[in-house]
Amino acid sequence: MSWTWTYEKSDGTATGTSQEFESRSDAETWIGEAFGDLLEAGVDQVRLMDGETEVYGPMGLAAE
């Protein structure tokens, strides 16, 4: 399977997806490094996908 992040607005509207990652660990490491850039690009939250299966989310990117 390939791991990806789905990008969303705060209302759940999908706005795009990340590149594909070979492992969950790679995907989670990447989001930890890229969340600031995603926020600046207008992404409010993300969902982690394993192929077509949602693993978790939505996960907000802004500090609470």
PDB file of N, CA and C in Angstrom:
ATOM      1  N   MET A   1       0.838  -1.188   0.000  1.00  0.00           N
ATOM      2  CA  MET A   1       0.000   0.000   0.000  1.00  0.00           C
ATOM      3  C   MET A   1       0.878   1.246   0.000  1.00  0.00           C
ATOM      4  N   SER A   2       0.278   2.323  -0.407  1.00  0.00           N
ATOM      5  CA  SER A   2       0.978   3.603  -0.344  1.00  0.00           C
ATOM      6  C   SER A   2       0.291   4.490   0.677  1.00  0.00           C
ATOM      7  N   TRP A   3       1.077   5.225   1.391  1.00  0.00           N
ATOM      8  CA  TRP A   3       0.595   6.121   2.441  1.00  0.00           C
ATOM      9  C   TRP A   3       0.567   7.543   1.903  1.00  0.00           C
ATOM     10  N   THR A   4      -0.529   8.256   2.128  1.00  0.00           N
ATOM     11  CA  THR A   4      -0.653   9.642   1.694  1.00  0.00           C
ATOM     12  C   THR A   4      -1.420  10.440   2.741  1.00  0.00           C
ATOM     13  N   TRP A   5      -1.288  11.750   2.634  1.00  0.00           N
ATOM     14  CA  TRP A   5      -2.069  12.686   3.454  1.00  0.00           C
ATOM     15  C   TRP A   5      -3.078  13.366   2.543  1.00  0.00           C
ATOM     16  N   THR A   6      -4.327  13.431   2.985  1.00  0.00           N
ATOM     17  CA  THR A   6      -5.341  14.217   2.294  1.00  0.00           C
ATOM     18  C   THR A   6      -5.401  15.567   2.984  1.00  0.00           C
ATOM     19  N   TYR A   7      -5.313  16.639   2.207  1.00  0.00           N
ATOM     20  CA  TYR A   7      -5.367  17.999   2.744  1.00  0.00           C
ATOM     21  C   TYR A   7      -6.812  18.491   2.730  1.00  0.00           C
ATOM     22  N   GLU A   8      -7.206  19.217   3.801  1.00  0.00           N
ATOM     23  CA  GLU A   8      -8.574  19.700   3.908  1.00  0.00           C
ATOM     24  C   GLU A   8      -8.637  21.099   4.495  1.00  0.00           C
ATOM     25  N   LYS A   9      -9.755  21.768   4.212  1.00  0.00           N
ATOM     26  CA  LYS A   9     -10.117  23.000   4.908  1.00  0.00           C
ATOM     27  C   LYS A   9     -10.764  22.570   6.227  1.00  0.00           C
ATOM     28  N   SER A  10     -11.015  23.502   7.127  1.00  0.00           N
ATOM     29  CA  SER A  10     -11.573  23.161   8.435  1.00  0.00           C
ATOM     30  C   SER A  10     -12.968  22.554   8.358  1.00  0.00           C
ATOM     31  N   ASP A  11     -13.695  22.805   7.257  1.00  0.00           N
ATOM     32  CA  ASP A  11     -15.037  22.224   7.104  1.00  0.00           C
ATOM     33  C   ASP A  11     -15.009  20.828   6.485  1.00  0.00           C
ATOM     34  N   GLY A  12     -13.825  20.281   6.248  1.00  0.00           N
ATOM     35  CA  GLY A  12     -13.692  18.938   5.693  1.00  0.00           C
ATOM     36  C   GLY A  12     -13.595  18.877   4.184  1.00  0.00           C
ATOM     37  N   THR A  13     -13.633  20.020   3.507  1.00  0.00           N
ATOM     38  CA  THR A  13     -13.494  20.047   2.060  1.00  0.00           C
ATOM     39  C   THR A  13     -12.069  19.667   1.666  1.00  0.00           C
ATOM     40  N   ALA A  14     -11.934  18.625   0.872  1.00  0.00           N
ATOM     41  CA  ALA A  14     -10.608  18.178   0.427  1.00  0.00           C
ATOM     42  C   ALA A  14     -10.016  19.187  -0.545  1.00  0.00           C
ATOM     43  N   THR A  15      -8.724  19.472  -0.359  1.00  0.00           N
ATOM     44  CA  THR A  15      -8.058  20.440  -1.226  1.00  0.00           C
ATOM     45  C   THR A  15      -6.836  19.859  -1.933  1.00  0.00           C
ATOM     46  N   GLY A  16      -6.492  18.603  -1.658  1.00  0.00           N
ATOM     47  CA  GLY A  16      -5.345  17.995  -2.329  1.00  0.00           C
ATOM     48  C   GLY A  16      -4.817  16.816  -1.549  1.00  0.00           C
ATOM     49  N   THR A  17      -3.736  16.251  -2.046  1.00  0.00           N
ATOM     50  CA  THR A  17      -3.072  15.125  -1.386  1.00  0.00           C
ATOM     51  C   THR A  17      -1.565  15.294  -1.471  1.00  0.00           C
ATOM     52  N   SER A  18      -0.902  14.627  -0.573  1.00  0.00           N
ATOM     53  CA  SER A  18       0.560  14.655  -0.540  1.00  0.00           C
ATOM     54  C   SER A  18       1.130  13.685  -1.565  1.00  0.00           C
ATOM     55  N   GLN A  19       2.432  13.672  -1.623  1.00  0.00           N
ATOM     56  CA  GLN A  19       3.138  12.636  -2.364  1.00  0.00           C
ATOM     57  C   GLN A  19       2.880  11.303  -1.669  1.00  0.00           C
ATOM     58  N   GLU A  20       3.241  10.206  -2.288  1.00  0.00           N
ATOM     59  CA  GLU A  20       3.091   8.889  -1.688  1.00  0.00           C
ATOM     60  C   GLU A  20       4.338   8.540  -0.883  1.00  0.00           C
ATOM     61  N   PHE A  21       4.115   7.835   0.224  1.00  0.00           N
ATOM     62  CA  PHE A  21       5.201   7.392   1.095  1.00  0.00           C
ATOM     63  C   PHE A  21       5.166   5.871   1.187  1.00  0.00           C
ATOM     64  N   GLU A  22       6.324   5.267   1.379  1.00  0.00           N
ATOM     65  CA  GLU A  22       6.411   3.809   1.447  1.00  0.00           C
ATOM     66  C   GLU A  22       5.954   3.247   2.779  1.00  0.00           C
ATOM     67  N   SER A  23       6.004   4.070   3.838  1.00  0.00           N
ATOM     68  CA  SER A  23       5.626   3.569   5.153  1.00  0.00           C
ATOM     69  C   SER A  23       4.881   4.640   5.941  1.00  0.00           C
ATOM     70  N   ARG A  24       4.152   4.198   6.942  1.00  0.00           N
ATOM     71  CA  ARG A  24       3.456   5.128   7.841  1.00  0.00           C
ATOM     72  C   ARG A  24       4.468   6.030   8.532  1.00  0.00           C
ATOM     73  N   SER A  25       5.573   5.456   8.946  1.00  0.00           N
ATOM     74  CA  SER A  25       6.618   6.220   9.618  1.00  0.00           C
ATOM     75  C   SER A  25       7.141   7.356   8.734  1.00  0.00           C
ATOM     76  N   ASP A  26       7.378   7.055   7.467  1.00  0.00           N
ATOM     77  CA  ASP A  26       7.843   8.090   6.538  1.00  0.00           C
ATOM     78  C   ASP A  26       6.808   9.200   6.393  1.00  0.00           C
ATOM     79  N   ALA A  27       5.533   8.824   6.291  1.00  0.00           N
ATOM     80  CA  ALA A  27       4.459   9.813   6.149  1.00  0.00           C
ATOM     81  C   ALA A  27       4.358  10.689   7.395  1.00  0.00           C
ATOM     82  N   GLU A  28       4.447  10.080   8.564  1.00  0.00           N
ATOM     83  CA  GLU A  28       4.331  10.840   9.808  1.00  0.00           C
ATOM     84  C   GLU A  28       5.541  11.740  10.029  1.00  0.00           C
ATOM     85  N   THR A  29       6.712  11.283   9.655  1.00  0.00           N
ATOM     86  CA  THR A  29       7.906  12.126   9.758  1.00  0.00           C
ATOM     87  C   THR A  29       7.760  13.335   8.846  1.00  0.00           C
ATOM     88  N   TRP A  30       7.293  13.101   7.623  1.00  0.00           N
ATOM     89  CA  TRP A  30       7.142  14.187   6.665  1.00  0.00           C
ATOM     90  C   TRP A  30       6.146  15.237   7.148  1.00  0.00           C
ATOM     91  N   ILE A  31       4.996  14.821   7.684  1.00  0.00           N
ATOM     92  CA  ILE A  31       3.995  15.798   8.129  1.00  0.00           C
ATOM     93  C   ILE A  31       4.544  16.628   9.284  1.00  0.00           C
ATOM     94  N   GLY A  32       5.368  16.020  10.119  1.00  0.00           N
ATOM     95  CA  GLY A  32       5.988  16.755  11.214  1.00  0.00           C
ATOM     96  C   GLY A  32       6.922  17.853  10.736  1.00  0.00           C
ATOM     97  N   GLU A  33       7.508  17.656   9.571  1.00  0.00           N
ATOM     98  CA  GLU A  33       8.418  18.649   8.995  1.00  0.00           C
ATOM     99  C   GLU A  33       7.692  19.658   8.104  1.00  0.00           C
ATOM    100  N   ALA A  34       6.566  19.255   7.495  1.00  0.00           N
ATOM    101  CA  ALA A  34       5.908  20.070   6.467  1.00  0.00           C
ATOM    102  C   ALA A  34       4.683  20.830   6.946  1.00  0.00           C
ATOM    103  N   PHE A  35       4.228  20.612   8.189  1.00  0.00           N
ATOM    104  CA  PHE A  35       2.951  21.201   8.591  1.00  0.00           C
ATOM    105  C   PHE A  35       2.948  22.725   8.515  1.00  0.00           C
ATOM    106  N   GLY A  36       4.053  23.376   8.794  1.00  0.00           N
ATOM    107  CA  GLY A  36       4.113  24.837   8.719  1.00  0.00           C
ATOM    108  C   GLY A  36       3.894  25.342   7.300  1.00  0.00           C
ATOM    109  N   ASP A  37       4.521  24.692   6.342  1.00  0.00           N
ATOM    110  CA  ASP A  37       4.339  25.060   4.935  1.00  0.00           C
ATOM    111  C   ASP A  37       2.901  24.805   4.491  1.00  0.00           C
ATOM    112  N   LEU A  38       2.308  23.716   4.964  1.00  0.00           N
ATOM    113  CA  LEU A  38       0.929  23.414   4.609  1.00  0.00           C
ATOM    114  C   LEU A  38      -0.026  24.465   5.172  1.00  0.00           C
ATOM    115  N   LEU A  39       0.199  24.874   6.419  1.00  0.00           N
ATOM    116  CA  LEU A  39      -0.631  25.934   7.006  1.00  0.00           C
ATOM    117  C   LEU A  39      -0.554  27.215   6.183  1.00  0.00           C
ATOM    118  N   GLU A  40       0.645  27.581   5.787  1.00  0.00           N
ATOM    119  CA  GLU A  40       0.833  28.778   4.967  1.00  0.00           C
ATOM    120  C   GLU A  40       0.134  28.652   3.614  1.00  0.00           C
ATOM    121  N   ALA A  41      -0.011  27.432   3.123  1.00  0.00           N
ATOM    122  CA  ALA A  41      -0.675  27.190   1.842  1.00  0.00           C
ATOM    123  C   ALA A  41      -2.194  27.085   1.986  1.00  0.00           C
ATOM    124  N   GLY A  42      -2.699  27.235   3.223  1.00  0.00           N
ATOM    125  CA  GLY A  42      -4.144  27.218   3.431  1.00  0.00           C
ATOM    126  C   GLY A  42      -4.738  25.889   3.829  1.00  0.00           C
ATOM    127  N   VAL A  43      -3.901  24.909   4.168  1.00  0.00           N
ATOM    128  CA  VAL A  43      -4.405  23.613   4.630  1.00  0.00           C
ATOM    129  C   VAL A  43      -4.681  23.729   6.121  1.00  0.00           C
ATOM    130  N   ASP A  44      -5.901  23.366   6.547  1.00  0.00           N
ATOM    131  CA  ASP A  44      -6.276  23.452   7.958  1.00  0.00           C
ATOM    132  C   ASP A  44      -6.113  22.134   8.701  1.00  0.00           C
ATOM    133  N   GLN A  45      -6.366  21.025   8.003  1.00  0.00           N
ATOM    134  CA  GLN A  45      -6.291  19.713   8.642  1.00  0.00           C
ATOM    135  C   GLN A  45      -5.933  18.658   7.612  1.00  0.00           C
ATOM    136  N   VAL A  46      -5.511  17.499   8.111  1.00  0.00           N
ATOM    137  CA  VAL A  46      -5.097  16.406   7.230  1.00  0.00           C
ATOM    138  C   VAL A  46      -5.670  15.088   7.737  1.00  0.00           C
ATOM    139  N   ARG A  47      -5.723  14.126   6.823  1.00  0.00           N
ATOM    140  CA  ARG A  47      -6.104  12.749   7.156  1.00  0.00           C
ATOM    141  C   ARG A  47      -5.034  11.829   6.579  1.00  0.00           C
ATOM    142  N   LEU A  48      -4.622  10.847   7.366  1.00  0.00           N
ATOM    143  CA  LEU A  48      -3.640   9.868   6.893  1.00  0.00           C
ATOM    144  C   LEU A  48      -4.380   8.709   6.240  1.00  0.00           C
ATOM    145  N   MET A  49      -3.977   8.398   5.021  1.00  0.00           N
ATOM    146  CA  MET A  49      -4.597   7.325   4.259  1.00  0.00           C
ATOM    147  C   MET A  49      -3.589   6.225   3.962  1.00  0.00           C
ATOM    148  N   ASP A  50      -4.044   4.982   4.076  1.00  0.00           N
ATOM    149  CA  ASP A  50      -3.277   3.809   3.649  1.00  0.00           C
ATOM    150  C   ASP A  50      -4.018   3.255   2.443  1.00  0.00           C
ATOM    151  N   GLY A  51      -3.595   3.658   1.264  1.00  0.00           N
ATOM    152  CA  GLY A  51      -4.366   3.335   0.062  1.00  0.00           C
ATOM    153  C   GLY A  51      -5.681   4.089   0.111  1.00  0.00           C
ATOM    154  N   GLU A  52      -6.792   3.373   0.104  1.00  0.00           N
ATOM    155  CA  GLU A  52      -8.125   3.977   0.172  1.00  0.00           C
ATOM    156  C   GLU A  52      -8.681   3.992   1.597  1.00  0.00           C
ATOM    157  N   THR A  53      -7.933   3.459   2.560  1.00  0.00           N
ATOM    158  CA  THR A  53      -8.405   3.336   3.937  1.00  0.00           C
ATOM    159  C   THR A  53      -7.901   4.484   4.795  1.00  0.00           C
ATOM    160  N   GLU A  54      -8.828   5.170   5.472  1.00  0.00           N
ATOM    161  CA  GLU A  54      -8.437   6.237   6.395  1.00  0.00           C
ATOM    162  C   GLU A  54      -7.888   5.619   7.670  1.00  0.00           C
ATOM    163  N   VAL A  55      -6.688   6.038   8.058  1.00  0.00           N
ATOM    164  CA  VAL A  55      -6.049   5.520   9.263  1.00  0.00           C
ATOM    165  C   VAL A  55      -6.401   6.396  10.454  1.00  0.00           C
ATOM    166  N   TYR A  56      -6.290   7.713  10.281  1.00  0.00           N
ATOM    167  CA  TYR A  56      -6.767   8.653  11.298  1.00  0.00           C
ATOM    168  C   TYR A  56      -6.936  10.035  10.724  1.00  0.00           C
ATOM    169  N   GLY A  57      -7.674  10.837  11.451  1.00  0.00           N
ATOM    170  CA  GLY A  57      -7.949  12.203  11.052  1.00  0.00           C
ATOM    171  C   GLY A  57      -9.406  12.530  11.309  1.00  0.00           C
ATOM    172  N   PRO A  58      -9.785  13.739  11.167  1.00  0.00           N
ATOM    173  CA  PRO A  58      -8.896  14.818  10.761  1.00  0.00           C
ATOM    174  C   PRO A  58      -7.975  15.257  11.889  1.00  0.00           C
ATOM    175  N   MET A  59      -6.794  15.665  11.519  1.00  0.00           N
ATOM    176  CA  MET A  59      -5.812  16.170  12.469  1.00  0.00           C
ATOM    177  C   MET A  59      -5.549  17.619  12.097  1.00  0.00           C
ATOM    178  N   GLY A  60      -5.917  18.534  13.005  1.00  0.00           N
ATOM    179  CA  GLY A  60      -5.686  19.953  12.772  1.00  0.00           C
ATOM    180  C   GLY A  60      -4.211  20.284  12.789  1.00  0.00           C
ATOM    181  N   LEU A  61      -3.805  21.237  11.969  1.00  0.00           N
ATOM    182  CA  LEU A  61      -2.395  21.617  11.881  1.00  0.00           C
ATOM    183  C   LEU A  61      -2.055  22.822  12.737  1.00  0.00           C
ATOM    184  N   ALA A  62      -3.034  23.653  13.078  1.00  0.00           N
ATOM    185  CA  ALA A  62      -2.780  24.859  13.862  1.00  0.00           C
ATOM    186  C   ALA A  62      -2.630  24.520  15.343  1.00  0.00           C
ATOM    187  N   ALA A  63      -1.830  25.310  16.028  1.00  0.00           N
ATOM    188  CA  ALA A  63      -1.684  25.128  17.472  1.00  0.00           C
ATOM    189  C   ALA A  63      -3.000  25.473  18.154  1.00  0.00           C
ATOM    190  N   GLU A  64      -3.332  24.697  19.157  1.00  0.00           N
ATOM    191  CA  GLU A  64      -4.601  24.940  19.860  1.00  0.00           C
ATOM    192  C   GLU A  64      -4.412  25.803  21.048  1.00  0.00           C
TER     193      GLU A  64
END
